[in-house]
Protein backbone atom coordinates (compact mmCIF):
# COMPACT_ATOMS: atom_id res chain seq x y z
CA UNK A 1 6.88 10.12 0.53
CA UNK A 2 8.27 13.34 1.85
CA UNK A 3 11.33 13.51 4.10
CA UNK A 4 10.84 14.41 7.78
CA UNK A 5 10.24 18.13 8.15
CA UNK A 6 11.45 20.71 10.61
CA UNK A 7 9.06 20.93 13.55
CA UNK A 8 7.53 24.38 13.88
CA UNK A 9 7.40 27.28 11.51
CA UNK A 10 5.44 27.57 8.27
CA UNK A 11 8.17 26.67 5.79
CA UNK A 12 7.99 22.93 6.17
CA UNK A 13 9.47 20.57 3.61
CA UNK A 14 5.93 19.57 2.67
CA UNK A 15 4.76 23.15 2.08
CA UNK A 16 7.86 23.92 0.00
CA UNK A 17 7.38 20.76 -2.08
CA UNK A 18 3.69 21.53 -2.63
CA UNK A 19 4.58 25.06 -3.75
CA UNK A 20 7.21 23.75 -6.21
CA UNK A 21 4.70 21.18 -7.53
CA UNK A 22 1.96 23.79 -7.95
CA UNK A 23 4.36 26.18 -9.71
CA UNK A 24 5.34 23.41 -12.14
CA UNK A 25 1.67 22.61 -12.85
CA UNK A 26 0.90 26.30 -13.41
CA UNK A 27 3.81 26.63 -15.86
CA UNK A 28 2.68 23.54 -17.78
CA UNK A 29 -0.82 25.03 -17.99
CA UNK A 30 0.54 28.34 -19.26
CA UNK A 31 2.63 26.61 -21.90
CA UNK A 32 0.08 24.08 -23.12
CA UNK A 33 -3.28 25.52 -22.05
CA UNK A 34 -5.49 24.69 -19.07
CA UNK A 35 -8.63 23.82 -21.02
CA UNK A 36 -10.12 20.35 -21.43
CA UNK A 37 -9.44 19.99 -25.16
CA UNK A 38 -7.66 16.85 -26.32
CA UNK A 39 -4.75 18.92 -27.69
CA UNK A 40 -4.19 20.73 -24.37
CA UNK A 41 -4.41 17.52 -22.36
CA UNK A 42 -1.99 15.75 -24.70
CA UNK A 43 0.39 18.71 -24.60
CA UNK A 44 0.34 18.74 -20.80
CA UNK A 45 0.97 14.98 -20.75
CA UNK A 46 3.96 15.29 -23.11
CA UNK A 47 5.50 18.08 -21.01
CA UNK A 48 4.86 16.13 -17.77
CA UNK A 49 6.49 13.01 -19.26
CA UNK A 50 9.50 15.06 -20.32
CA UNK A 51 9.83 16.67 -16.88
CA UNK A 52 9.50 13.26 -15.22
CA UNK A 53 12.45 11.98 -17.24
CA UNK A 54 14.42 15.14 -16.40
CA UNK A 55 13.75 14.74 -12.68
CA UNK A 56 14.83 11.09 -12.81
CA UNK A 57 18.03 12.18 -14.55
CA UNK A 58 18.55 14.96 -12.00
CA UNK A 59 18.28 12.48 -9.11
CA UNK A 60 20.48 9.91 -10.89
CA UNK A 61 23.19 12.57 -11.27
CA UNK A 62 23.27 13.42 -7.57
CA UNK A 63 20.80 16.32 -7.84
CA UNK A 64 23.13 18.38 -10.02
CA UNK A 65 21.30 20.37 -12.68
CA UNK A 66 22.64 20.94 -16.20
CA UNK A 67 23.57 24.41 -17.38
CA UNK A 68 20.52 26.72 -17.60
CA UNK A 69 18.60 26.02 -20.81
CA UNK A 70 20.80 23.06 -21.78
CA UNK A 71 20.03 19.32 -21.76
CA UNK A 72 21.96 16.99 -19.47
CA UNK A 73 25.33 16.05 -20.94
CA UNK A 74 25.53 12.43 -22.14
CA UNK A 75 26.54 10.00 -19.43
CA UNK A 76 27.17 6.27 -19.36
CA UNK A 77 25.24 6.12 -16.08
CA UNK A 78 22.20 8.04 -17.32
CA UNK A 79 18.71 6.76 -16.54
CA UNK A 80 17.63 4.12 -19.04
CA UNK A 81 21.16 3.11 -19.97
CA UNK A 82 22.30 3.61 -23.54
CA UNK A 83 19.68 5.18 -25.75
CA UNK A 84 19.24 5.06 -29.48
CA UNK A 85 21.10 8.00 -30.97
CA UNK A 86 18.30 8.70 -33.44
CA UNK A 87 15.62 9.06 -30.74
CA UNK A 88 15.41 11.06 -27.54
CA UNK A 89 14.10 9.66 -24.26
CA UNK A 90 10.49 10.34 -25.20
CA UNK A 91 10.80 8.44 -28.49
CA UNK A 92 10.94 11.59 -30.62
CA UNK A 93 13.27 11.59 -33.59
CA UNK A 94 16.34 13.69 -32.89
CA UNK A 95 17.17 16.49 -35.28
CA UNK A 96 20.83 17.15 -35.93
CA UNK A 97 21.89 20.67 -34.97
CA UNK A 98 23.62 21.86 -38.13
CA UNK A 99 24.99 24.98 -36.41
CA UNK A 100 27.53 22.89 -34.50
């Protein structure tokens, strides 16, 4: 459900939200392909699942974004509670960054 919008004008909350949604879908399509192949569909699903987790984290942290290009910093109040250190939120095995 969308919040109440400003009466009048063309830049309503709904139109801004729809534009943001459509831009996100277009980016996913550019990254993973817009065709109907199984690989493209699976790629789009994986990206959408990742973004869903990121948006939940964003809301849980008071709508404060992480640094550009960086993951959210670990938090004891992060969505999903404590997570296994060997897997990320999508169940993918984490790879240690040896440059650190």
